Amino acid sequence: MSQALRAGLREMGPGDLDAVMDIEVRAYEFAWSRGNFADSLAAGYVAQVLCDDQGRVVGYFVALAGVEEMHLLNVCVEPRLQGQGLGLQLLDGVLLSASLHGASLLWLEVRPSNSRALHLYQRYGLHAVARRRGYYPASVDGKPAREDAIVMSCPVDDLLRRRGLD
């Protein structure tokens, strides 16, 4: 088992923002800003980092707990470590946080062009429930454009049972 697979989740703090931003800008063409992460922490959003056994941040998520729901806003794994099961660990962290906050539904949006994430979410048990037109910034031939979002959701209890976390 690689070091990355012996990773653990902990609460994200302001001291993690350099590591988080390093991953974010390498993973996404349209990355969140440092201010987006700082504002999320200041607002009390659910935010955790996934660290390897050396304490290095290898992934993270930010979610908004609402009335009986959890909305996953951002989730990312260090690009060179993707495909090793770390995304599942992060989703389990989101799911357990949703349960602790009394959420009955988990929601997220994903780009249709992000086939890797879409497949992960489907495999995890989330279902497409809607489409948001022009939700994401994009570029086509170097020109600004917009990309739709697929809205996915699933009852938290169903996911907990599916993952053996109930």
C-alpha atoms as a PDB file:
ATOM      1  CA  MET A   1       0.000   0.000   0.000  1.00  0.00           C
ATOM      2  CA  SER A   2       1.366   3.416  -0.938  1.00  0.00           C
ATOM      3  CA  GLN A   3       1.859   6.141   1.650  1.00  0.00           C
ATOM      4  CA  ALA A   4      -1.015   8.091   0.136  1.00  0.00           C
ATOM      5  CA  LEU A   5      -3.428   5.227   0.769  1.00  0.00           C
ATOM      6  CA  ARG A   6      -2.630   5.321   4.490  1.00  0.00           C
ATOM      7  CA  ALA A   7      -4.123   8.787   4.606  1.00  0.00           C
ATOM      8  CA  GLY A   8      -6.378  10.364   7.201  1.00  0.00           C
ATOM      9  CA  LEU A   9      -8.911  13.176   7.238  1.00  0.00           C
ATOM     10  CA  ARG A  10      -8.792  16.167   9.549  1.00  0.00           C
ATOM     11  CA  GLU A  11     -10.412  19.584   9.692  1.00  0.00           C
ATOM     12  CA  MET A  12      -9.019  22.134   7.238  1.00  0.00           C
ATOM     13  CA  GLY A  13      -7.569  25.272   8.789  1.00  0.00           C
ATOM     14  CA  PRO A  14      -6.054  28.518   7.484  1.00  0.00           C
ATOM     15  CA  GLY A  15      -2.598  26.934   7.736  1.00  0.00           C
ATOM     16  CA  ASP A  16      -3.599  24.406   5.062  1.00  0.00           C
ATOM     17  CA  LEU A  17      -4.446  26.973   2.391  1.00  0.00           C
ATOM     18  CA  ASP A  18      -1.012  26.997   0.723  1.00  0.00           C
ATOM     19  CA  ALA A  19      -1.097  23.218   0.248  1.00  0.00           C
ATOM     20  CA  VAL A  20      -4.751  23.272  -0.820  1.00  0.00           C
ATOM     21  CA  MET A  21      -4.118  26.030  -3.364  1.00  0.00           C
ATOM     22  CA  ASP A  22      -1.097  24.179  -4.750  1.00  0.00           C
ATOM     23  CA  ILE A  23      -3.335  21.190  -5.519  1.00  0.00           C
ATOM     24  CA  GLU A  24      -6.310  23.279  -6.670  1.00  0.00           C
ATOM     25  CA  VAL A  25      -4.455  25.264  -9.330  1.00  0.00           C
ATOM     26  CA  ARG A  26      -2.807  22.140 -10.755  1.00  0.00           C
ATOM     27  CA  ALA A  27      -6.044  20.144 -10.810  1.00  0.00           C
ATOM     28  CA  TYR A  28      -8.510  22.653 -12.243  1.00  0.00           C
ATOM     29  CA  GLU A  29      -8.396  25.003 -15.194  1.00  0.00           C
ATOM     30  CA  PHE A  30     -10.932  27.211 -13.404  1.00  0.00           C
ATOM     31  CA  ALA A  31      -9.675  26.925  -9.839  1.00  0.00           C
ATOM     32  CA  TRP A  32     -11.211  28.357  -6.721  1.00  0.00           C
ATOM     33  CA  SER A  33      -9.322  31.348  -5.377  1.00  0.00           C
ATOM     34  CA  ARG A  34      -7.575  31.403  -2.016  1.00  0.00           C
ATOM     35  CA  GLY A  35     -10.320  33.816  -0.978  1.00  0.00           C
ATOM     36  CA  ASN A  36     -13.002  31.233  -1.815  1.00  0.00           C
ATOM     37  CA  PHE A  37     -11.375  28.768   0.578  1.00  0.00           C
ATOM     38  CA  ALA A  38     -10.693  31.381   3.275  1.00  0.00           C
ATOM     39  CA  ASP A  39     -14.273  32.654   3.082  1.00  0.00           C
ATOM     40  CA  SER A  40     -15.605  29.091   3.329  1.00  0.00           C
ATOM     41  CA  LEU A  41     -13.562  28.491   6.482  1.00  0.00           C
ATOM     42  CA  ALA A  42     -14.623  31.828   7.987  1.00  0.00           C
ATOM     43  CA  ALA A  43     -18.280  31.023   7.262  1.00  0.00           C
ATOM     44  CA  GLY A  44     -17.996  27.688   9.061  1.00  0.00           C
ATOM     45  CA  TYR A  45     -18.451  25.423   6.055  1.00  0.00           C
ATOM     46  CA  VAL A  46     -17.468  21.802   6.524  1.00  0.00           C
ATOM     47  CA  ALA A  47     -13.903  21.580   5.224  1.00  0.00           C
ATOM     48  CA  GLN A  48     -11.430  18.754   5.652  1.00  0.00           C
ATOM     49  CA  VAL A  49      -8.039  17.826   4.270  1.00  0.00           C
ATOM     50  CA  LEU A  50      -6.797  14.333   3.519  1.00  0.00           C
ATOM     51  CA  CYS A  51      -3.196  13.859   4.649  1.00  0.00           C
ATOM     52  CA  ASP A  52      -0.708  11.097   3.942  1.00  0.00           C
ATOM     53  CA  ASP A  53       1.218   9.425   6.763  1.00  0.00           C
ATOM     54  CA  GLN A  54       3.838  12.196   6.517  1.00  0.00           C
ATOM     55  CA  GLY A  55       1.162  14.824   7.211  1.00  0.00           C
ATOM     56  CA  ARG A  56       1.204  16.190   3.649  1.00  0.00           C
ATOM     57  CA  VAL A  57      -2.134  17.342   2.236  1.00  0.00           C
ATOM     58  CA  VAL A  58      -3.099  15.070  -0.674  1.00  0.00           C
ATOM     59  CA  GLY A  59      -6.754  16.064  -1.030  1.00  0.00           C
ATOM     60  CA  TYR A  60      -9.574  18.098   0.454  1.00  0.00           C
ATOM     61  CA  PHE A  61     -13.250  18.897   0.351  1.00  0.00           C
ATOM     62  CA  VAL A  62     -15.500  21.833   1.192  1.00  0.00           C
ATOM     63  CA  ALA A  63     -19.221  21.336   1.796  1.00  0.00           C
ATOM     64  CA  LEU A  64     -22.120  23.448   2.953  1.00  0.00           C
ATOM     65  CA  ALA A  65     -24.408  22.002   5.589  1.00  0.00           C
ATOM     66  CA  GLY A  66     -27.970  23.187   5.104  1.00  0.00           C
ATOM     67  CA  VAL A  67     -31.339  22.249   6.506  1.00  0.00           C
ATOM     68  CA  GLU A  68     -31.407  18.454   6.211  1.00  0.00           C
ATOM     69  CA  GLU A  69     -28.920  18.490   3.317  1.00  0.00           C
ATOM     70  CA  MET A  70     -25.223  18.671   2.568  1.00  0.00           C
ATOM     71  CA  HIS A  71     -23.987  20.318  -0.623  1.00  0.00           C
ATOM     72  CA  LEU A  72     -20.505  19.304  -1.740  1.00  0.00           C
ATOM     73  CA  LEU A  73     -18.919  22.426  -3.210  1.00  0.00           C
ATOM     74  CA  ASN A  74     -15.354  21.348  -3.948  1.00  0.00           C
ATOM     75  CA  VAL A  75     -13.458  18.071  -3.733  1.00  0.00           C
ATOM     76  CA  CYS A  76     -10.023  17.349  -5.113  1.00  0.00           C
ATOM     77  CA  VAL A  77      -7.203  14.820  -4.964  1.00  0.00           C
ATOM     78  CA  GLU A  78      -3.582  15.640  -5.758  1.00  0.00           C
ATOM     79  CA  PRO A  79      -3.439  15.020  -9.544  1.00  0.00           C
ATOM     80  CA  ARG A  80      -0.492  12.595  -9.403  1.00  0.00           C
ATOM     81  CA  LEU A  81      -2.341  10.467  -6.798  1.00  0.00           C
ATOM     82  CA  GLN A  82      -5.707  10.257  -8.530  1.00  0.00           C
ATOM     83  CA  GLY A  83      -7.021   6.777  -9.236  1.00  0.00           C
ATOM     84  CA  GLN A  84      -5.766   5.298  -5.947  1.00  0.00           C
ATOM     85  CA  GLY A  85      -9.004   5.401  -3.945  1.00  0.00           C
ATOM     86  CA  LEU A  86      -8.402   8.738  -2.251  1.00  0.00           C
ATOM     87  CA  GLY A  87     -11.503  10.251  -3.839  1.00  0.00           C
ATOM     88  CA  LEU A  88     -13.578   7.551  -2.144  1.00  0.00           C
ATOM     89  CA  GLN A  89     -11.981   8.411   1.201  1.00  0.00           C
ATOM     90  CA  LEU A  90     -12.880  12.057   0.681  1.00  0.00           C
ATOM     91  CA  LEU A  91     -16.458  11.191  -0.281  1.00  0.00           C
ATOM     92  CA  ASP A  92     -16.728   9.012   2.824  1.00  0.00           C
ATOM     93  CA  GLY A  93     -15.621  12.046   4.846  1.00  0.00           C
ATOM     94  CA  VAL A  94     -18.295  14.175   3.196  1.00  0.00           C
ATOM     95  CA  LEU A  95     -20.884  11.471   3.856  1.00  0.00           C
ATOM     96  CA  LEU A  96     -19.962  11.081   7.528  1.00  0.00           C
ATOM     97  CA  SER A  97     -20.024  14.874   7.934  1.00  0.00           C
ATOM     98  CA  ALA A  98     -23.457  14.954   6.304  1.00  0.00           C
ATOM     99  CA  SER A  99     -24.686  12.339   8.751  1.00  0.00           C
ATOM    100  CA  LEU A 100     -23.245  14.226  11.739  1.00  0.00           C
ATOM    101  CA  HIS A 101     -25.015  17.400  10.565  1.00  0.00           C
ATOM    102  CA  GLY A 102     -28.356  15.571  10.294  1.00  0.00           C
ATOM    103  CA  ALA A 103     -28.487  15.802   6.505  1.00  0.00           C
ATOM    104  CA  SER A 104     -30.892  13.505   4.726  1.00  0.00           C
ATOM    105  CA  LEU A 105     -29.651  14.348   1.205  1.00  0.00           C
ATOM    106  CA  LEU A 106     -26.217  14.840  -0.331  1.00  0.00           C
ATOM    107  CA  TRP A 107     -25.974  17.136  -3.390  1.00  0.00           C
ATOM    108  CA  LEU A 108     -23.233  18.129  -5.801  1.00  0.00           C
ATOM    109  CA  GLU A 109     -22.650  19.485  -9.284  1.00  0.00           C
ATOM    110  CA  VAL A 110     -20.156  18.051 -11.755  1.00  0.00           C
ATOM    111  CA  ARG A 111     -19.028  19.052 -15.233  1.00  0.00           C
ATOM    112  CA  PRO A 112     -20.235  16.616 -17.919  1.00  0.00           C
ATOM    113  CA  SER A 113     -16.704  16.846 -19.367  1.00  0.00           C
ATOM    114  CA  ASN A 114     -15.220  15.573 -16.091  1.00  0.00           C
ATOM    115  CA  SER A 115     -15.848  11.923 -16.925  1.00  0.00           C
ATOM    116  CA  ARG A 116     -13.510  10.666 -14.208  1.00  0.00           C
ATOM    117  CA  ALA A 117     -15.418  12.482 -11.441  1.00  0.00           C
ATOM    118  CA  LEU A 118     -18.786  11.643 -12.978  1.00  0.00           C
ATOM    119  CA  HIS A 119     -17.878   7.945 -12.992  1.00  0.00           C
ATOM    120  CA  LEU A 120     -16.636   8.144  -9.369  1.00  0.00           C
ATOM    121  CA  TYR A 121     -19.875   9.765  -8.192  1.00  0.00           C
ATOM    122  CA  GLN A 122     -22.018   7.238 -10.050  1.00  0.00           C
ATOM    123  CA  ARG A 123     -19.969   4.364  -8.644  1.00  0.00           C
ATOM    124  CA  TYR A 124     -20.352   5.904  -5.178  1.00  0.00           C
ATOM    125  CA  GLY A 125     -24.145   5.809  -5.552  1.00  0.00           C
ATOM    126  CA  LEU A 126     -25.097   9.352  -6.537  1.00  0.00           C
ATOM    127  CA  HIS A 127     -27.699   9.826  -9.275  1.00  0.00           C
ATOM    128  CA  ALA A 128     -28.118  12.583 -11.860  1.00  0.00           C
ATOM    129  CA  VAL A 129     -31.287  14.517 -11.001  1.00  0.00           C
ATOM    130  CA  ALA A 130     -31.029  17.727 -13.047  1.00  0.00           C
ATOM    131  CA  ARG A 131     -28.879  19.817 -15.346  1.00  0.00           C
ATOM    132  CA  ARG A 132     -27.877  23.438 -14.724  1.00  0.00           C
ATOM    133  CA  ARG A 133     -27.318  25.224 -18.034  1.00  0.00           C
ATOM    134  CA  GLY A 134     -24.170  27.356 -18.286  1.00  0.00           C
ATOM    135  CA  TYR A 135     -23.179  26.745 -14.663  1.00  0.00           C
ATOM    136  CA  TYR A 136     -19.395  26.496 -15.000  1.00  0.00           C
ATOM    137  CA  PRO A 137     -16.877  28.812 -16.662  1.00  0.00           C
ATOM    138  CA  ALA A 138     -15.166  27.138 -19.592  1.00  0.00           C
ATOM    139  CA  SER A 139     -13.168  27.960 -22.680  1.00  0.00           C
ATOM    140  CA  VAL A 140     -13.628  26.826 -26.249  1.00  0.00           C
ATOM    141  CA  ASP A 141     -10.763  27.464 -28.643  1.00  0.00           C
ATOM    142  CA  GLY A 142      -9.295  29.895 -26.115  1.00  0.00           C
ATOM    143  CA  LYS A 143     -12.501  31.937 -25.860  1.00  0.00           C
ATOM    144  CA  PRO A 144     -14.630  32.267 -22.716  1.00  0.00           C
ATOM    145  CA  ALA A 145     -17.634  29.958 -22.665  1.00  0.00           C
ATOM    146  CA  ARG A 146     -19.917  28.199 -20.207  1.00  0.00           C
ATOM    147  CA  GLU A 147     -20.419  24.507 -19.440  1.00  0.00           C
ATOM    148  CA  ASP A 148     -23.504  22.868 -17.988  1.00  0.00           C
ATOM    149  CA  ALA A 149     -23.470  21.077 -14.657  1.00  0.00           C
ATOM    150  CA  ILE A 150     -24.999  17.719 -13.887  1.00  0.00           C
ATOM    151  CA  VAL A 151     -26.705  17.908 -10.506  1.00  0.00           C
ATOM    152  CA  MET A 152     -26.343  14.675  -8.560  1.00  0.00           C
ATOM    153  CA  SER A 153     -27.937  13.577  -5.309  1.00  0.00           C
ATOM    154  CA  CYS A 154     -28.680  10.611  -3.098  1.00  0.00           C
ATOM    155  CA  PRO A 155     -30.213  10.066   0.335  1.00  0.00           C
ATOM    156  CA  VAL A 156     -27.475  10.024   2.973  1.00  0.00           C
ATOM    157  CA  ASP A 157     -28.865   6.869   4.627  1.00  0.00           C
ATOM    158  CA  ASP A 158     -28.707   5.003   1.296  1.00  0.00           C
ATOM    159  CA  LEU A 159     -25.086   5.998   0.813  1.00  0.00           C
ATOM    160  CA  LEU A 160     -24.174   5.097   4.405  1.00  0.00           C
ATOM    161  CA  ARG A 161     -25.621   1.594   3.918  1.00  0.00           C
ATOM    162  CA  ARG A 162     -23.970   1.220   0.519  1.00  0.00           C
ATOM    163  CA  ARG A 163     -20.578   2.168   1.965  1.00  0.00           C
ATOM    164  CA  GLY A 164     -21.032   0.107   5.157  1.00  0.00           C
ATOM    165  CA  LEU A 165     -20.788   3.227   7.301  1.00  0.00           C
ATOM    166  CA  ASP A 166     -24.193   3.027   8.999  1.00  0.00           C
END
